[in-house]
C-alpha atoms as a PDB file:
ATOM      1  CA  UNK A   1      35.880 -10.768  20.098  1.00  0.00           C
ATOM      2  CA  UNK A   2      36.495 -12.768  16.460  1.00  0.00           C
ATOM      3  CA  UNK A   3      38.272 -11.050  13.900  1.00  0.00           C
ATOM      4  CA  UNK A   4      40.045  -7.555  14.401  1.00  0.00           C
ATOM      5  CA  UNK A   5      40.022  -4.570  12.237  1.00  0.00           C
ATOM      6  CA  UNK A   6      37.741  -1.955  11.965  1.00  0.00           C
ATOM      7  CA  UNK A   7      35.193  -0.859   8.389  1.00  0.00           C
ATOM      8  CA  UNK A   8      32.921   0.976   6.978  1.00  0.00           C
ATOM      9  CA  UNK A   9      30.121  -0.056   4.224  1.00  0.00           C
ATOM     10  CA  UNK A  10      26.618  -1.278   2.880  1.00  0.00           C
ATOM     11  CA  UNK A  11      25.529  -4.380   4.142  1.00  0.00           C
ATOM     12  CA  UNK A  12      24.790  -7.430   1.658  1.00  0.00           C
ATOM     13  CA  UNK A  13      22.535  -9.760   3.363  1.00  0.00           C
ATOM     14  CA  UNK A  14      22.883 -13.579   2.536  1.00  0.00           C
ATOM     15  CA  UNK A  15      20.365 -15.632   2.051  1.00  0.00           C
ATOM     16  CA  UNK A  16      21.078 -19.062   1.415  1.00  0.00           C
ATOM     17  CA  UNK A  17      17.477 -19.865   0.825  1.00  0.00           C
ATOM     18  CA  UNK A  18      17.333 -19.062  -2.338  1.00  0.00           C
ATOM     19  CA  UNK A  19      19.885 -21.784  -2.774  1.00  0.00           C
ATOM     20  CA  UNK A  20      17.647 -25.020  -1.704  1.00  0.00           C
ATOM     21  CA  UNK A  21      16.880 -27.506  -4.508  1.00  0.00           C
ATOM     22  CA  UNK A  22      13.117 -28.908  -5.595  1.00  0.00           C
ATOM     23  CA  UNK A  23      12.367 -32.726  -4.573  1.00  0.00           C
ATOM     24  CA  UNK A  24      13.460 -33.741  -7.585  1.00  0.00           C
ATOM     25  CA  UNK A  25      11.993 -37.555  -8.729  1.00  0.00           C
ATOM     26  CA  UNK A  26      13.718 -40.626  -9.109  1.00  0.00           C
ATOM     27  CA  UNK A  27      14.923 -41.812 -12.707  1.00  0.00           C
ATOM     28  CA  UNK A  28      15.775 -45.004 -12.318  1.00  0.00           C
ATOM     29  CA  UNK A  29      18.469 -46.673  -9.945  1.00  0.00           C
ATOM     30  CA  UNK A  30      21.359 -47.083 -12.079  1.00  0.00           C
ATOM     31  CA  UNK A  31      21.018 -43.815 -13.311  1.00  0.00           C
ATOM     32  CA  UNK A  32      20.715 -41.964 -10.088  1.00  0.00           C
ATOM     33  CA  UNK A  33      23.952 -44.201  -8.821  1.00  0.00           C
ATOM     34  CA  UNK A  34      25.634 -42.650 -11.692  1.00  0.00           C
ATOM     35  CA  UNK A  35      24.778 -39.501 -11.202  1.00  0.00           C
ATOM     36  CA  UNK A  36      25.256 -39.301  -7.311  1.00  0.00           C
ATOM     37  CA  UNK A  37      28.772 -40.940  -8.184  1.00  0.00           C
ATOM     38  CA  UNK A  38      29.720 -38.390 -10.535  1.00  0.00           C
ATOM     39  CA  UNK A  39      28.341 -35.729  -8.288  1.00  0.00           C
ATOM     40  CA  UNK A  40      30.694 -37.327  -5.532  1.00  0.00           C
ATOM     41  CA  UNK A  41      33.984 -37.074  -8.048  1.00  0.00           C
ATOM     42  CA  UNK A  42      33.892 -33.829  -8.896  1.00  0.00           C
ATOM     43  CA  UNK A  43      32.678 -32.667  -5.350  1.00  0.00           C
ATOM     44  CA  UNK A  44      35.647 -34.989  -4.201  1.00  0.00           C
ATOM     45  CA  UNK A  45      37.919 -32.793  -6.663  1.00  0.00           C
ATOM     46  CA  UNK A  46      36.818 -28.949  -5.731  1.00  0.00           C
ATOM     47  CA  UNK A  47      37.910 -30.260  -2.122  1.00  0.00           C
ATOM     48  CA  UNK A  48      41.002 -31.156  -3.049  1.00  0.00           C
ATOM     49  CA  UNK A  49      41.839 -27.692  -5.088  1.00  0.00           C
ATOM     50  CA  UNK A  50      40.582 -25.820  -2.305  1.00  0.00           C
ATOM     51  CA  UNK A  51      42.719 -27.447   0.269  1.00  0.00           C
ATOM     52  CA  UNK A  52      45.703 -26.475  -1.910  1.00  0.00           C
ATOM     53  CA  UNK A  53      44.382 -23.183  -2.449  1.00  0.00           C
ATOM     54  CA  UNK A  54      43.700 -22.718   1.328  1.00  0.00           C
ATOM     55  CA  UNK A  55      47.783 -23.768   2.125  1.00  0.00           C
ATOM     56  CA  UNK A  56      48.720 -21.355  -0.363  1.00  0.00           C
ATOM     57  CA  UNK A  57      46.592 -18.540   0.872  1.00  0.00           C
ATOM     58  CA  UNK A  58      45.663 -19.062   4.756  1.00  0.00           C
ATOM     59  CA  UNK A  59      47.842 -21.410   5.863  1.00  0.00           C
ATOM     60  CA  UNK A  60      48.978 -25.756   6.190  1.00  0.00           C
ATOM     61  CA  UNK A  61      46.463 -25.575   9.375  1.00  0.00           C
ATOM     62  CA  UNK A  62      43.632 -24.194   8.041  1.00  0.00           C
ATOM     63  CA  UNK A  63      43.422 -26.865   5.106  1.00  0.00           C
ATOM     64  CA  UNK A  64      42.835 -29.314   8.211  1.00  0.00           C
ATOM     65  CA  UNK A  65      39.670 -28.191   7.624  1.00  0.00           C
ATOM     66  CA  UNK A  66      39.033 -29.016   4.169  1.00  0.00           C
ATOM     67  CA  UNK A  67      41.034 -31.945   4.560  1.00  0.00           C
ATOM     68  CA  UNK A  68      38.416 -33.449   7.254  1.00  0.00           C
ATOM     69  CA  UNK A  69      35.471 -32.593   4.625  1.00  0.00           C
ATOM     70  CA  UNK A  70      37.250 -35.164   1.996  1.00  0.00           C
ATOM     71  CA  UNK A  71      37.592 -37.645   4.735  1.00  0.00           C
ATOM     72  CA  UNK A  72      33.703 -36.971   5.659  1.00  0.00           C
ATOM     73  CA  UNK A  73      32.657 -37.248   1.872  1.00  0.00           C
ATOM     74  CA  UNK A  74      34.387 -40.206   1.530  1.00  0.00           C
ATOM     75  CA  UNK A  75      33.412 -41.980   4.452  1.00  0.00           C
ATOM     76  CA  UNK A  76      31.518 -45.387   3.951  1.00  0.00           C
ATOM     77  CA  UNK A  77      29.249 -45.313   6.892  1.00  0.00           C
ATOM     78  CA  UNK A  78      27.586 -41.734   5.356  1.00  0.00           C
ATOM     79  CA  UNK A  79      27.854 -43.246   1.911  1.00  0.00           C
ATOM     80  CA  UNK A  80      26.107 -46.039   2.696  1.00  0.00           C
ATOM     81  CA  UNK A  81      22.744 -44.600   3.807  1.00  0.00           C
ATOM     82  CA  UNK A  82      22.588 -42.216   1.032  1.00  0.00           C
ATOM     83  CA  UNK A  83      23.611 -45.168  -1.849  1.00  0.00           C
ATOM     84  CA  UNK A  84      20.509 -47.219   0.430  1.00  0.00           C
ATOM     85  CA  UNK A  85      17.998 -44.392   0.336  1.00  0.00           C
ATOM     86  CA  UNK A  86      18.770 -44.632  -4.173  1.00  0.00           C
ATOM     87  CA  UNK A  87      18.702 -48.357  -4.071  1.00  0.00           C
ATOM     88  CA  UNK A  88      16.222 -49.445  -2.347  1.00  0.00           C
ATOM     89  CA  UNK A  89      13.842 -46.375  -1.216  1.00  0.00           C
ATOM     90  CA  UNK A  90      13.891 -45.580  -4.789  1.00  0.00           C
ATOM     91  CA  UNK A  91      14.956 -41.762  -3.914  1.00  0.00           C
ATOM     92  CA  UNK A  92      16.540 -39.055  -6.193  1.00  0.00           C
ATOM     93  CA  UNK A  93      20.197 -38.612  -5.777  1.00  0.00           C
ATOM     94  CA  UNK A  94      19.089 -34.984  -4.456  1.00  0.00           C
ATOM     95  CA  UNK A  95      16.324 -36.612  -2.425  1.00  0.00           C
ATOM     96  CA  UNK A  96      18.316 -39.293  -1.107  1.00  0.00           C
ATOM     97  CA  UNK A  97      21.592 -36.502   0.084  1.00  0.00           C
ATOM     98  CA  UNK A  98      18.913 -33.796   1.853  1.00  0.00           C
ATOM     99  CA  UNK A  99      17.581 -37.361   3.919  1.00  0.00           C
ATOM    100  CA  UNK A 100      20.512 -38.467   4.745  1.00  0.00           C
ATOM    101  CA  UNK A 101      22.877 -35.110   6.009  1.00  0.00           C
ATOM    102  CA  UNK A 102      19.716 -34.013   7.793  1.00  0.00           C
ATOM    103  CA  UNK A 103      19.630 -36.443   9.721  1.00  0.00           C
ATOM    104  CA  UNK A 104      23.540 -36.052  10.274  1.00  0.00           C
ATOM    105  CA  UNK A 105      23.055 -32.600  11.361  1.00  0.00           C
ATOM    106  CA  UNK A 106      19.967 -32.591  13.522  1.00  0.00           C
ATOM    107  CA  UNK A 107      21.953 -35.029  15.030  1.00  0.00           C
ATOM    108  CA  UNK A 108      25.087 -32.793  15.460  1.00  0.00           C
ATOM    109  CA  UNK A 109      23.091 -28.929  15.566  1.00  0.00           C
ATOM    110  CA  UNK A 110      20.922 -29.813  19.040  1.00  0.00           C
ATOM    111  CA  UNK A 111      24.686 -31.192  20.882  1.00  0.00           C
ATOM    112  CA  UNK A 112      25.435 -29.220  24.127  1.00  0.00           C
ATOM    113  CA  UNK A 113      29.088 -28.797  22.794  1.00  0.00           C
ATOM    114  CA  UNK A 114      30.241 -25.969  20.364  1.00  0.00           C
ATOM    115  CA  UNK A 115      32.857 -28.508  18.422  1.00  0.00           C
ATOM    116  CA  UNK A 116      30.028 -31.001  17.703  1.00  0.00           C
ATOM    117  CA  UNK A 117      27.444 -27.892  16.323  1.00  0.00           C
ATOM    118  CA  UNK A 118      30.402 -26.669  14.146  1.00  0.00           C
ATOM    119  CA  UNK A 119      30.341 -30.412  12.280  1.00  0.00           C
ATOM    120  CA  UNK A 120      26.597 -29.630  11.406  1.00  0.00           C
ATOM    121  CA  UNK A 121      28.849 -26.614   9.349  1.00  0.00           C
ATOM    122  CA  UNK A 122      30.659 -29.003   7.976  1.00  0.00           C
ATOM    123  CA  UNK A 123      27.816 -31.088   6.601  1.00  0.00           C
ATOM    124  CA  UNK A 124      26.698 -28.472   5.665  1.00  0.00           C
ATOM    125  CA  UNK A 125      29.693 -27.517   3.147  1.00  0.00           C
ATOM    126  CA  UNK A 126      29.647 -31.009   2.048  1.00  0.00           C
ATOM    127  CA  UNK A 127      25.399 -31.007   1.646  1.00  0.00           C
ATOM    128  CA  UNK A 128      24.943 -28.159  -1.047  1.00  0.00           C
ATOM    129  CA  UNK A 129      27.806 -28.498  -3.147  1.00  0.00           C
ATOM    130  CA  UNK A 130      26.700 -31.517  -3.923  1.00  0.00           C
ATOM    131  CA  UNK A 131      23.393 -30.571  -4.900  1.00  0.00           C
ATOM    132  CA  UNK A 132      24.914 -27.551  -7.031  1.00  0.00           C
ATOM    133  CA  UNK A 133      26.435 -30.450  -9.329  1.00  0.00           C
ATOM    134  CA  UNK A 134      23.441 -32.570  -9.609  1.00  0.00           C
ATOM    135  CA  UNK A 135      20.933 -29.566  -9.876  1.00  0.00           C
ATOM    136  CA  UNK A 136      23.083 -26.448 -11.125  1.00  0.00           C
ATOM    137  CA  UNK A 137      20.799 -23.158 -11.217  1.00  0.00           C
ATOM    138  CA  UNK A 138      21.829 -19.110 -11.193  1.00  0.00           C
ATOM    139  CA  UNK A 139      21.674 -17.716  -8.350  1.00  0.00           C
ATOM    140  CA  UNK A 140      23.653 -14.955  -6.846  1.00  0.00           C
ATOM    141  CA  UNK A 141      26.435 -16.398  -4.672  1.00  0.00           C
ATOM    142  CA  UNK A 142      29.903 -14.737  -2.681  1.00  0.00           C
ATOM    143  CA  UNK A 143      32.620 -15.575  -4.798  1.00  0.00           C
ATOM    144  CA  UNK A 144      31.673 -12.784  -7.685  1.00  0.00           C
ATOM    145  CA  UNK A 145      30.442  -9.145  -5.850  1.00  0.00           C
ATOM    146  CA  UNK A 146      29.654  -6.365  -7.860  1.00  0.00           C
ATOM    147  CA  UNK A 147      30.538  -3.854  -5.447  1.00  0.00           C
ATOM    148  CA  UNK A 148      32.773  -3.361  -1.490  1.00  0.00           C
ATOM    149  CA  UNK A 149      29.774  -4.746   0.724  1.00  0.00           C
ATOM    150  CA  UNK A 150      29.844  -5.918   4.679  1.00  0.00           C
ATOM    151  CA  UNK A 151      28.409  -9.569   4.867  1.00  0.00           C
ATOM    152  CA  UNK A 152      25.785 -10.473   6.949  1.00  0.00           C
ATOM    153  CA  UNK A 153      24.912 -13.955   7.138  1.00  0.00           C
ATOM    154  CA  UNK A 154      22.965 -16.234   9.451  1.00  0.00           C
ATOM    155  CA  UNK A 155      26.360 -18.134   9.141  1.00  0.00           C
ATOM    156  CA  UNK A 156      28.751 -18.795   7.290  1.00  0.00           C
ATOM    157  CA  UNK A 157      30.763 -22.395   6.122  1.00  0.00           C
ATOM    158  CA  UNK A 158      34.361 -23.081   5.494  1.00  0.00           C
ATOM    159  CA  UNK A 159      34.634 -23.117   2.009  1.00  0.00           C
ATOM    160  CA  UNK A 160      32.097 -20.395   1.731  1.00  0.00           C
ATOM    161  CA  UNK A 161      34.627 -18.085   3.565  1.00  0.00           C
ATOM    162  CA  UNK A 162      37.185 -19.218   1.736  1.00  0.00           C
ATOM    163  CA  UNK A 163      36.042 -18.905  -2.044  1.00  0.00           C
ATOM    164  CA  UNK A 164      33.960 -15.576  -1.264  1.00  0.00           C
ATOM    165  CA  UNK A 165      35.196 -12.014  -3.835  1.00  0.00           C
ATOM    166  CA  UNK A 166      37.592 -11.075  -0.333  1.00  0.00           C
ATOM    167  CA  UNK A 167      38.922  -8.023  -2.741  1.00  0.00           C
ATOM    168  CA  UNK A 168      34.450  -6.683  -2.351  1.00  0.00           C
ATOM    169  CA  UNK A 169      33.942  -8.541   1.595  1.00  0.00           C
ATOM    170  CA  UNK A 170      34.805  -5.542   3.765  1.00  0.00           C
ATOM    171  CA  UNK A 171      33.748  -7.096   7.244  1.00  0.00           C
ATOM    172  CA  UNK A 172      31.697 -10.123   8.169  1.00  0.00           C
ATOM    173  CA  UNK A 173      28.752 -10.040  10.281  1.00  0.00           C
ATOM    174  CA  UNK A 174      26.596 -13.684  11.462  1.00  0.00           C
ATOM    175  CA  UNK A 175      24.516 -15.073  13.795  1.00  0.00           C
ATOM    176  CA  UNK A 176      25.714 -18.032  14.775  1.00  0.00           C
ATOM    177  CA  UNK A 177      29.230 -18.964  15.572  1.00  0.00           C
ATOM    178  CA  UNK A 178      32.225 -17.999  17.937  1.00  0.00           C
ATOM    179  CA  UNK A 179      35.892 -17.560  18.228  1.00  0.00           C
ATOM    180  CA  UNK A 180      36.906 -20.921  16.929  1.00  0.00           C
ATOM    181  CA  UNK A 181      34.516 -21.852  14.658  1.00  0.00           C
ATOM    182  CA  UNK A 182      36.445 -22.840  11.377  1.00  0.00           C
ATOM    183  CA  UNK A 183      35.077 -19.551   9.586  1.00  0.00           C
ATOM    184  CA  UNK A 184      35.909 -16.984  12.210  1.00  0.00           C
ATOM    185  CA  UNK A 185      39.452 -18.575  12.010  1.00  0.00           C
ATOM    186  CA  UNK A 186      39.831 -18.037   8.175  1.00  0.00           C
ATOM    187  CA  UNK A 187      38.334 -14.692   8.462  1.00  0.00           C
ATOM    188  CA  UNK A 188      41.341 -13.830  11.482  1.00  0.00           C
ATOM    189  CA  UNK A 189      44.125 -15.700   9.212  1.00  0.00           C
ATOM    190  CA  UNK A 190      42.825 -13.752   6.248  1.00  0.00           C
ATOM    191  CA  UNK A 191      42.163 -10.454   7.774  1.00  0.00           C
ATOM    192  CA  UNK A 192      38.533  -9.556   7.169  1.00  0.00           C
ATOM    193  CA  UNK A 193      37.042  -8.067  10.233  1.00  0.00           C
ATOM    194  CA  UNK A 194      33.966  -9.994  11.630  1.00  0.00           C
ATOM    195  CA  UNK A 195      31.626 -10.038  14.546  1.00  0.00           C
ATOM    196  CA  UNK A 196      29.952 -13.263  15.408  1.00  0.00           C
ATOM    197  CA  UNK A 197      26.933 -14.298  17.266  1.00  0.00           C
ATOM    198  CA  UNK A 198      24.932 -11.319  16.232  1.00  0.00           C
ATOM    199  CA  UNK A 199      21.332 -12.071  17.043  1.00  0.00           C
ATOM    200  CA  UNK A 200      18.609 -11.371  14.794  1.00  0.00           C
ATOM    201  CA  UNK A 201      21.470  -9.797  12.194  1.00  0.00           C
ATOM    202  CA  UNK A 202      19.585 -10.503   9.133  1.00  0.00           C
ATOM    203  CA  UNK A 203      16.949  -9.159   9.440  1.00  0.00           C
ATOM    204  CA  UNK A 204      18.411  -6.703  11.919  1.00  0.00           C
ATOM    205  CA  UNK A 205      20.019  -4.829   8.222  1.00  0.00           C
ATOM    206  CA  UNK A 206      18.881  -4.822   4.730  1.00  0.00           C
ATOM    207  CA  UNK A 207      20.312  -3.983   1.463  1.00  0.00           C
ATOM    208  CA  UNK A 208      22.560  -1.169   1.313  1.00  0.00           C
ATOM    209  CA  UNK A 209      22.009  -0.083   5.091  1.00  0.00           C
ATOM    210  CA  UNK A 210      25.482   1.827   6.312  1.00  0.00           C
ATOM    211  CA  UNK A 211      27.357  -0.127   8.269  1.00  0.00           C
ATOM    212  CA  UNK A 212      29.989   0.041  10.643  1.00  0.00           C
ATOM    213  CA  UNK A 213      31.807  -2.438  12.775  1.00  0.00           C
ATOM    214  CA  UNK A 214      34.745  -2.699  15.218  1.00  0.00           C
ATOM    215  CA  UNK A 215      36.182  -6.156  15.042  1.00  0.00           C
ATOM    216  CA  UNK A 216      38.221  -6.190  18.312  1.00  0.00           C
ATOM    217  CA  UNK A 217      36.038  -4.945  20.326  1.00  0.00           C
ATOM    218  CA  UNK A 218      32.883  -6.961  18.781  1.00  0.00           C
ATOM    219  CA  UNK A 219      30.482  -3.889  17.770  1.00  0.00           C
ATOM    220  CA  UNK A 220      28.855  -2.415  15.082  1.00  0.00           C
END
């Protein structure tokens, strides 16, 4: 049980692989440093706006998830690894971000602690908007859905949960996560029924499959 409620609707499988970015060559150290700093500033502004949105629509406690994201994106040690890759290894901003975040995410994902594994998702929640700003492309997102759906995903980051088109998300099913995950906490507060920890959910369901979900029982 993650978030109470019953929902019946058609599946919509969210595939984040369509959000992956091709490898980009460096345009030169100075240009890449400028691109990186501009992307960092824009994401900081987005997070600050998300903190205010979360405070207003969900609550002060939940907004602290994004306060922590803000601290991470201003963390000198994390930023230094990316700047080193740009300046010394002559990587593009995109490649430097991918490299630094990949190493950090791998460390957290292999932890035995649920809390530490949750940090891997927080890092993904920072990496994705940085890359989207550096290399924007049209792709199906969660903020504008065309019809009511039951959202099926491997996992959802806190910002994806907070900014999705809530009037059209009847319920959430994820392969990963648990009752204490940030996504589950936000879904619960928003009153969206959710069941997490469903093995192979993204391959089990296809688009438009009819699903009945009971968040209290944790059953489909």
